[in-house]
């Protein structure tokens, strides 16, 4: 069998690698793998047509500035798919690039097209699913409530589980060792996570810093820890150096990737509560059983646009998956130091409702079942076998 896979971001690269490993478990002979991917996919034996970073795009301004280059890469990739004549084309997230490739391929070929990671049509711009249906045959969804939105638009869709449910978490012994290494004793620890992109951190770090000062004034026994993503560690360190309170900064630049990941997981497990930006990190915290408060802000015009487009009453994934509202969130103009610090203390003192919602969330995401990669591979093979 021949599979053409396209991943354009680190998260998609990890999904692609897990999917390839899933094929390895289900197929009697190794598949032929072609396409575009990063280091995780390459480690499985995958060969990328060109470096994945060339198509990693984020935000409208970057898309505009790289328009002609991206247009060339889209055409090149679509032609490579058509020439390869794979059993299936699997596009992984990155819709700005991948769905344009899918559109070209669909017009010139009957190759089955599968998109991995459903668009967030349940949150905003629901018509995206209808547009996708013109070129995509099947969707692999990470969240259990997504298939109904895809099938309503005319695309078959399988929930295959979220990767976070299959990732290891730190043990209690590892959490205790982390506490001991920083002389934390039994002091309550607040995990501060102001984002994984520099634009988020620039906006949220000052707000989170003032919230930390409020918390320290109210509860002097509190300690604070800030992990940073490798790509933005220097910027995060500079920003939190302006905070008034002392924090433990976990700098991954002076560790191996495995060491940095292990320390981050230990910090998640050791913390009593987290103050975090909105995003997938809420699921990582749920996996570690760390209660949380979510804060997020954006520019004035983004607030106005998103405020009119968003169709849901919460953006926190734990709330959405569990269908409960136990995780407090403060978005836009509500994201203030006073709101955040007050809520962190409330959650710290009464985390029981969140803990139950987080446990339910992880079960719903597939914890304890077959790995998402294997489930996704089985879904892909089912689509191929059903082709006339």
Protein backbone atom coordinates (compact mmCIF):
# COMPACT_ATOMS: atom_id res chain seq x y z
CA UNK A 1 0.00 0.00 0.00
CA UNK A 2 1.09 3.54 -0.68
CA UNK A 3 0.17 6.48 1.55
CA UNK A 4 0.77 10.15 0.78
CA UNK A 5 0.80 12.17 4.01
CA UNK A 6 1.10 15.95 4.46
CA UNK A 7 1.90 17.50 7.84
CA UNK A 8 2.94 21.13 8.24
CA UNK A 9 3.21 21.76 11.98
CA UNK A 10 4.86 20.00 14.95
CA UNK A 11 1.52 18.75 16.29
CA UNK A 12 0.62 17.35 12.87
CA UNK A 13 4.06 15.76 12.60
CA UNK A 14 3.42 13.88 15.86
CA UNK A 15 -0.02 12.77 14.66
CA UNK A 16 1.52 11.61 11.39
CA UNK A 17 4.20 9.58 13.17
CA UNK A 18 1.61 7.91 15.40
CA UNK A 19 -0.52 7.13 12.35
CA UNK A 20 2.47 5.57 10.55
CA UNK A 21 3.18 3.44 13.62
CA UNK A 22 -0.49 2.43 13.60
CA UNK A 23 -0.15 1.21 10.01
CA UNK A 24 2.88 -0.80 11.12
CA UNK A 25 0.75 -2.66 13.65
CA UNK A 26 -2.14 -3.38 11.28
CA UNK A 27 -0.45 -4.15 7.96
CA UNK A 28 1.35 -7.39 7.19
CA UNK A 29 3.93 -5.65 5.00
CA UNK A 30 5.51 -2.18 5.33
CA UNK A 31 3.64 0.53 3.39
CA UNK A 32 5.22 2.96 0.94
CA UNK A 33 5.23 6.39 2.59
CA UNK A 34 5.64 9.65 0.68
CA UNK A 35 4.75 13.28 1.27
CA UNK A 36 5.75 16.07 3.66
CA UNK A 37 6.56 15.70 7.34
CA UNK A 38 8.88 16.63 10.17
CA UNK A 39 11.35 14.92 12.47
CA UNK A 40 8.87 12.58 14.16
CA UNK A 41 7.62 11.22 10.84
CA UNK A 42 11.14 11.05 9.42
CA UNK A 43 12.21 8.95 12.42
CA UNK A 44 9.74 6.28 11.26
CA UNK A 45 11.49 6.02 7.88
CA UNK A 46 9.33 8.62 6.12
CA UNK A 47 11.04 10.78 3.49
CA UNK A 48 9.81 14.35 3.12
CA UNK A 49 9.67 16.01 -0.31
CA UNK A 50 10.95 19.24 1.26
CA UNK A 51 11.40 20.57 4.83
CA UNK A 52 8.11 20.77 6.70
CA UNK A 53 8.97 24.19 8.14
CA UNK A 54 8.56 25.73 4.67
CA UNK A 55 4.76 25.35 4.91
CA UNK A 56 4.32 26.00 8.63
CA UNK A 57 2.21 29.14 8.50
CA UNK A 58 0.38 30.99 11.23
CA UNK A 59 -1.85 34.03 10.88
CA UNK A 60 -3.15 36.04 7.95
CA UNK A 61 -0.13 38.37 7.70
CA UNK A 62 2.27 35.45 7.30
CA UNK A 63 0.04 33.81 4.69
CA UNK A 64 -0.07 37.05 2.69
CA UNK A 65 3.69 37.65 2.92
CA UNK A 66 4.46 34.11 1.71
CA UNK A 67 1.57 33.87 -0.74
CA UNK A 68 3.48 33.24 -3.98
CA UNK A 69 5.92 30.82 -2.37
CA UNK A 70 3.08 28.86 -0.75
CA UNK A 71 1.10 28.83 -3.99
CA UNK A 72 4.10 27.24 -5.71
CA UNK A 73 4.48 24.63 -2.96
CA UNK A 74 0.74 23.84 -3.09
CA UNK A 75 0.88 23.22 -6.83
CA UNK A 76 4.09 21.17 -6.49
CA UNK A 77 2.60 19.03 -3.71
CA UNK A 78 -0.67 18.41 -5.56
CA UNK A 79 1.24 17.34 -8.66
CA UNK A 80 3.38 15.00 -6.56
CA UNK A 81 0.22 13.37 -5.19
CA UNK A 82 -1.23 12.86 -8.65
CA UNK A 83 2.01 11.42 -9.99
CA UNK A 84 2.46 9.11 -7.00
CA UNK A 85 -1.07 7.66 -7.35
CA UNK A 86 -1.25 6.59 -3.70
CA UNK A 87 -4.03 4.46 -2.25
CA UNK A 88 -5.01 7.50 -0.17
CA UNK A 89 -4.00 11.11 0.46
CA UNK A 90 -3.98 11.99 4.17
CA UNK A 91 -3.78 15.69 5.00
CA UNK A 92 -3.02 16.42 8.65
CA UNK A 93 -4.41 19.67 10.07
CA UNK A 94 -2.94 22.89 8.52
CA UNK A 95 -6.12 23.55 6.49
CA UNK A 96 -4.76 26.73 4.86
CA UNK A 97 -2.30 24.59 2.90
CA UNK A 98 -3.77 21.11 2.93
CA UNK A 99 -7.28 21.85 1.74
CA UNK A 100 -5.93 23.79 -1.23
CA UNK A 101 -3.86 20.75 -2.17
CA UNK A 102 -6.94 18.54 -1.72
CA UNK A 103 -9.00 20.78 -4.00
CA UNK A 104 -6.48 20.45 -6.84
CA UNK A 105 -6.12 16.69 -6.40
CA UNK A 106 -9.89 16.19 -6.33
CA UNK A 107 -10.32 17.98 -9.65
CA UNK A 108 -7.71 15.80 -11.38
CA UNK A 109 -7.97 12.43 -9.65
CA UNK A 110 -10.25 10.03 -7.79
CA UNK A 111 -7.67 9.33 -5.06
CA UNK A 112 -9.50 9.05 -1.69
CA UNK A 113 -8.75 12.07 0.50
CA UNK A 114 -8.79 11.93 4.29
CA UNK A 115 -8.27 14.93 6.57
CA UNK A 116 -6.90 14.32 10.06
CA UNK A 117 -8.17 16.82 12.70
CA UNK A 118 -11.68 18.12 12.20
CA UNK A 119 -12.10 21.88 11.77
CA UNK A 120 -13.64 23.63 14.78
CA UNK A 121 -16.96 24.19 13.04
CA UNK A 122 -18.68 23.59 16.39
CA UNK A 123 -17.09 26.82 17.61
CA UNK A 124 -17.18 29.15 14.61
CA UNK A 125 -17.56 29.33 10.80
CA UNK A 126 -19.74 26.19 10.43
CA UNK A 127 -19.80 26.48 6.64
CA UNK A 128 -16.18 25.30 6.53
CA UNK A 129 -17.45 21.73 6.80
CA UNK A 130 -19.63 22.16 3.72
CA UNK A 131 -16.69 23.56 1.74
CA UNK A 132 -14.49 20.69 2.90
CA UNK A 133 -17.08 18.16 1.72
CA UNK A 134 -16.35 19.14 -1.89
CA UNK A 135 -12.84 17.70 -1.75
CA UNK A 136 -12.54 15.52 1.38
CA UNK A 137 -14.04 12.05 1.66
CA UNK A 138 -13.44 11.32 5.32
CA UNK A 139 -12.34 13.09 8.52
CA UNK A 140 -10.47 11.72 11.53
CA UNK A 141 -11.65 13.62 14.61
CA UNK A 142 -9.79 14.19 17.88
CA UNK A 143 -12.85 15.12 19.94
CA UNK A 144 -15.85 12.86 20.55
CA UNK A 145 -18.52 15.43 19.71
CA UNK A 146 -17.09 16.38 16.30
CA UNK A 147 -18.39 13.58 13.99
CA UNK A 148 -21.99 14.79 14.10
CA UNK A 149 -20.94 18.15 12.66
CA UNK A 150 -19.00 16.53 9.83
CA UNK A 151 -21.70 13.99 8.89
CA UNK A 152 -24.30 16.77 8.87
CA UNK A 153 -22.18 18.47 6.18
CA UNK A 154 -21.97 15.27 4.14
CA UNK A 155 -18.53 13.94 5.16
CA UNK A 156 -18.02 10.60 6.90
CA UNK A 157 -16.12 11.03 10.15
CA UNK A 158 -14.66 8.80 12.86
CA UNK A 159 -13.60 9.84 16.34
CA UNK A 160 -10.18 8.21 16.79
CA UNK A 161 -9.16 9.56 20.20
CA UNK A 162 -7.00 12.46 21.30
CA UNK A 163 -3.20 11.96 21.58
CA UNK A 164 -3.15 13.49 25.06
CA UNK A 165 -5.09 10.49 26.39
CA UNK A 166 -2.28 8.18 25.27
CA UNK A 167 0.69 10.23 26.48
CA UNK A 168 2.55 9.32 29.69
CA UNK A 169 2.17 11.51 32.77
CA UNK A 170 4.56 11.94 35.66
CA UNK A 171 4.24 9.57 38.60
CA UNK A 172 3.64 10.80 42.13
CA UNK A 173 7.26 9.90 42.93
CA UNK A 174 8.48 12.03 40.01
CA UNK A 175 6.29 14.90 41.19
CA UNK A 176 7.71 14.54 44.71
CA UNK A 177 11.26 14.53 43.31
CA UNK A 178 10.50 17.74 41.40
CA UNK A 179 9.27 19.39 44.59
CA UNK A 180 12.31 18.24 46.49
CA UNK A 181 14.69 19.58 43.82
CA UNK A 182 13.29 23.09 44.36
CA UNK A 183 12.81 22.81 48.15
CA UNK A 184 9.06 23.25 47.80
CA UNK A 185 8.08 21.03 50.70
CA UNK A 186 4.30 21.11 51.15
CA UNK A 187 3.92 24.68 49.90
CA UNK A 188 1.10 25.10 47.34
CA UNK A 189 2.49 25.41 43.81
CA UNK A 190 0.89 27.47 41.03
CA UNK A 191 1.80 26.49 37.47
CA UNK A 192 1.80 29.52 35.12
CA UNK A 193 1.36 28.83 31.39
CA UNK A 194 1.03 32.07 29.39
CA UNK A 195 1.06 30.37 25.97
CA UNK A 196 3.21 28.52 23.45
CA UNK A 197 3.36 31.26 20.80
CA UNK A 198 5.24 34.47 21.27
CA UNK A 199 2.19 36.60 20.36
CA UNK A 200 0.21 34.93 23.17
CA UNK A 201 2.99 35.28 25.70
CA UNK A 202 3.57 38.96 24.86
CA UNK A 203 -0.07 39.66 25.57
CA UNK A 204 -0.66 37.36 28.54
CA UNK A 205 2.61 37.47 30.49
CA UNK A 206 2.03 40.99 31.92
CA UNK A 207 -1.52 40.05 32.95
CA UNK A 208 -0.41 36.77 34.51
CA UNK A 209 2.47 38.56 36.27
CA UNK A 210 0.07 40.96 38.00
CA UNK A 211 -2.19 38.05 38.92
CA UNK A 212 0.83 36.33 40.50
CA UNK A 213 1.51 39.46 42.57
CA UNK A 214 -2.12 39.47 43.74
CA UNK A 215 -1.88 35.81 44.70
CA UNK A 216 1.36 36.31 46.62
CA UNK A 217 -0.16 39.22 48.53
CA UNK A 218 -3.20 37.14 49.49
CA UNK A 219 -1.31 33.90 50.18
CA UNK A 220 2.42 34.44 50.88
CA UNK A 221 3.02 30.67 51.09
CA UNK A 222 2.32 30.21 47.37
CA UNK A 223 5.16 29.28 45.01
CA UNK A 224 5.15 29.68 41.22
CA UNK A 225 6.66 27.75 38.31
CA UNK A 226 6.78 28.70 34.62
CA UNK A 227 7.73 26.08 32.00
CA UNK A 228 8.59 27.38 28.52
CA UNK A 229 8.47 25.91 25.03
CA UNK A 230 11.98 25.63 23.51
CA UNK A 231 11.24 27.93 20.58
CA UNK A 232 10.25 30.87 22.80
CA UNK A 233 12.19 30.18 26.00
CA UNK A 234 14.41 33.28 25.71
CA UNK A 235 11.42 35.58 25.19
CA UNK A 236 9.48 34.02 28.07
CA UNK A 237 12.46 34.42 30.40
CA UNK A 238 12.76 38.11 29.50
CA UNK A 239 9.05 38.71 30.06
CA UNK A 240 8.79 36.98 33.42
CA UNK A 241 11.94 38.77 34.62
CA UNK A 242 9.66 41.82 34.84
CA UNK A 243 7.32 40.08 37.29
CA UNK A 244 7.50 41.33 40.86
CA UNK A 245 7.49 37.87 42.41
CA UNK A 246 10.11 35.13 42.34
CA UNK A 247 9.26 32.19 40.07
CA UNK A 248 10.89 28.90 39.15
CA UNK A 249 11.66 29.07 35.44
CA UNK A 250 12.05 25.76 33.59
CA UNK A 251 14.38 26.50 30.68
CA UNK A 252 14.46 23.65 28.14
CA UNK A 253 17.39 25.10 26.20
CA UNK A 254 19.96 23.51 28.48
CA UNK A 255 18.42 20.03 28.51
CA UNK A 256 17.87 17.25 26.03
CA UNK A 257 14.30 17.16 24.61
CA UNK A 258 13.52 14.08 26.73
CA UNK A 259 14.85 15.72 29.90
CA UNK A 260 12.88 18.90 29.27
CA UNK A 261 9.67 16.96 28.60
CA UNK A 262 10.15 14.85 31.72
CA UNK A 263 10.68 17.94 33.87
CA UNK A 264 7.63 19.65 32.39
CA UNK A 265 5.45 16.62 33.10
CA UNK A 266 6.75 16.48 36.66
CA UNK A 267 5.90 20.17 37.15
CA UNK A 268 2.38 19.60 35.84
CA UNK A 269 1.90 16.71 38.26
CA UNK A 270 3.45 18.55 41.21
CA UNK A 271 1.34 21.71 40.85
CA UNK A 272 -1.75 22.27 42.97
CA UNK A 273 -3.39 24.59 40.45
CA UNK A 274 -2.59 26.13 37.06
CA UNK A 275 -3.15 29.52 35.48
CA UNK A 276 -3.08 28.81 31.75
CA UNK A 277 -3.74 30.25 28.33
CA UNK A 278 -6.63 28.74 26.39
CA UNK A 279 -5.75 25.77 24.17
CA UNK A 280 -4.81 22.10 24.17
CA UNK A 281 -2.83 22.66 27.37
CA UNK A 282 -6.11 22.33 29.29
CA UNK A 283 -6.21 18.67 28.21
CA UNK A 284 -2.58 18.16 29.29
CA UNK A 285 -3.50 19.57 32.69
CA UNK A 286 -6.55 17.31 32.87
CA UNK A 287 -4.35 14.28 32.13
CA UNK A 288 -2.12 15.29 35.07
CA UNK A 289 -5.15 15.93 37.29
CA UNK A 290 -4.12 19.56 37.80
CA UNK A 291 -7.05 21.95 38.43
CA UNK A 292 -6.89 25.11 36.36
CA UNK A 293 -8.10 28.61 35.56
CA UNK A 294 -8.02 29.69 31.91
CA UNK A 295 -7.24 33.22 30.73
CA UNK A 296 -6.92 34.53 27.20
CA UNK A 297 -6.88 37.92 25.51
CA UNK A 298 -6.45 39.24 21.99
CA UNK A 299 -6.35 42.57 20.19
CA UNK A 300 -9.39 44.86 20.09
CA UNK A 301 -10.40 44.06 16.52
CA UNK A 302 -9.91 40.32 17.03
CA UNK A 303 -12.17 40.56 20.08
CA UNK A 304 -14.91 42.16 18.00
CA UNK A 305 -14.66 39.72 15.10
CA UNK A 306 -14.40 36.57 17.20
CA UNK A 307 -17.11 37.78 19.54
CA UNK A 308 -19.54 37.86 16.61
CA UNK A 309 -18.43 34.53 15.12
CA UNK A 310 -18.06 32.22 18.13
CA UNK A 311 -21.11 29.99 18.65
CA UNK A 312 -20.24 28.40 22.02
CA UNK A 313 -20.38 29.52 25.63
CA UNK A 314 -16.95 28.16 26.60
CA UNK A 315 -13.63 27.75 24.78
CA UNK A 316 -12.03 25.40 27.30
CA UNK A 317 -11.76 21.87 25.95
CA UNK A 318 -12.28 20.21 29.34
CA UNK A 319 -15.62 22.02 29.62
CA UNK A 320 -16.60 21.12 26.07
CA UNK A 321 -15.67 17.44 26.21
CA UNK A 322 -17.15 16.81 29.68
CA UNK A 323 -20.19 18.98 28.84
CA UNK A 324 -19.74 20.65 32.20
CA UNK A 325 -18.54 24.13 33.12
CA UNK A 326 -16.26 23.47 36.07
CA UNK A 327 -13.17 25.15 34.61
CA UNK A 328 -13.43 28.94 35.05
CA UNK A 329 -12.30 30.97 32.05
CA UNK A 330 -11.77 34.69 31.51
CA UNK A 331 -11.61 35.70 27.86
CA UNK A 332 -11.01 39.10 26.26
CA UNK A 333 -11.91 42.02 28.49
CA UNK A 334 -12.65 39.62 31.38
CA UNK A 335 -9.01 38.47 31.40
CA UNK A 336 -7.84 40.73 34.23
CA UNK A 337 -5.35 40.09 37.05
CA UNK A 338 -8.08 40.48 39.68
CA UNK A 339 -10.43 37.97 38.02
CA UNK A 340 -7.65 35.45 37.47
CA UNK A 341 -6.12 35.65 40.94
CA UNK A 342 -9.48 35.47 42.71
CA UNK A 343 -10.49 32.42 40.68
CA UNK A 344 -7.15 30.64 41.20
CA UNK A 345 -7.63 30.86 44.98
CA UNK A 346 -11.19 29.57 44.70
CA UNK A 347 -10.10 26.57 42.61
CA UNK A 348 -7.14 25.90 44.90
CA UNK A 349 -9.47 25.71 47.90
CA UNK A 350 -12.23 23.71 46.18
CA UNK A 351 -11.00 21.62 43.21
CA UNK A 352 -13.39 18.65 43.54
CA UNK A 353 -15.78 19.55 40.70
CA UNK A 354 -12.91 20.06 38.28
CA UNK A 355 -11.20 16.82 39.23
CA UNK A 356 -14.32 14.84 38.38
CA UNK A 357 -14.78 16.69 35.07
CA UNK A 358 -11.14 16.08 34.15
CA UNK A 359 -11.45 12.35 34.84
CA UNK A 360 -14.56 12.15 32.65
CA UNK A 361 -12.79 14.13 29.93
CA UNK A 362 -9.87 11.73 29.72
CA UNK A 363 -12.17 8.71 29.51
CA UNK A 364 -14.18 10.37 26.73
CA UNK A 365 -10.95 11.16 24.85
CA UNK A 366 -10.03 7.46 24.77
CA UNK A 367 -7.87 6.89 27.83
CA UNK A 368 -7.30 3.16 28.32
CA UNK A 369 -8.35 2.23 24.78
CA UNK A 370 -6.23 1.50 21.69
CA UNK A 371 -3.87 4.32 20.79
CA UNK A 372 -5.23 7.16 18.62
CA UNK A 373 -2.62 6.33 15.98
CA UNK A 374 -3.81 2.75 15.67
CA UNK A 375 -7.48 3.78 15.67
CA UNK A 376 -6.77 6.38 12.99
CA UNK A 377 -4.89 3.80 10.90
CA UNK A 378 -7.81 1.36 11.16
CA UNK A 379 -10.21 4.09 10.01
CA UNK A 380 -8.00 4.91 7.00
CA UNK A 381 -7.74 1.26 5.99
CA UNK A 382 -11.51 0.93 6.27
CA UNK A 383 -12.01 3.84 3.85
CA UNK A 384 -9.55 2.33 1.38
CA UNK A 385 -11.21 -1.09 1.48
CA UNK A 386 -14.65 0.47 0.95
CA UNK A 387 -13.56 2.25 -2.24
CA UNK A 388 -15.36 0.77 -5.29
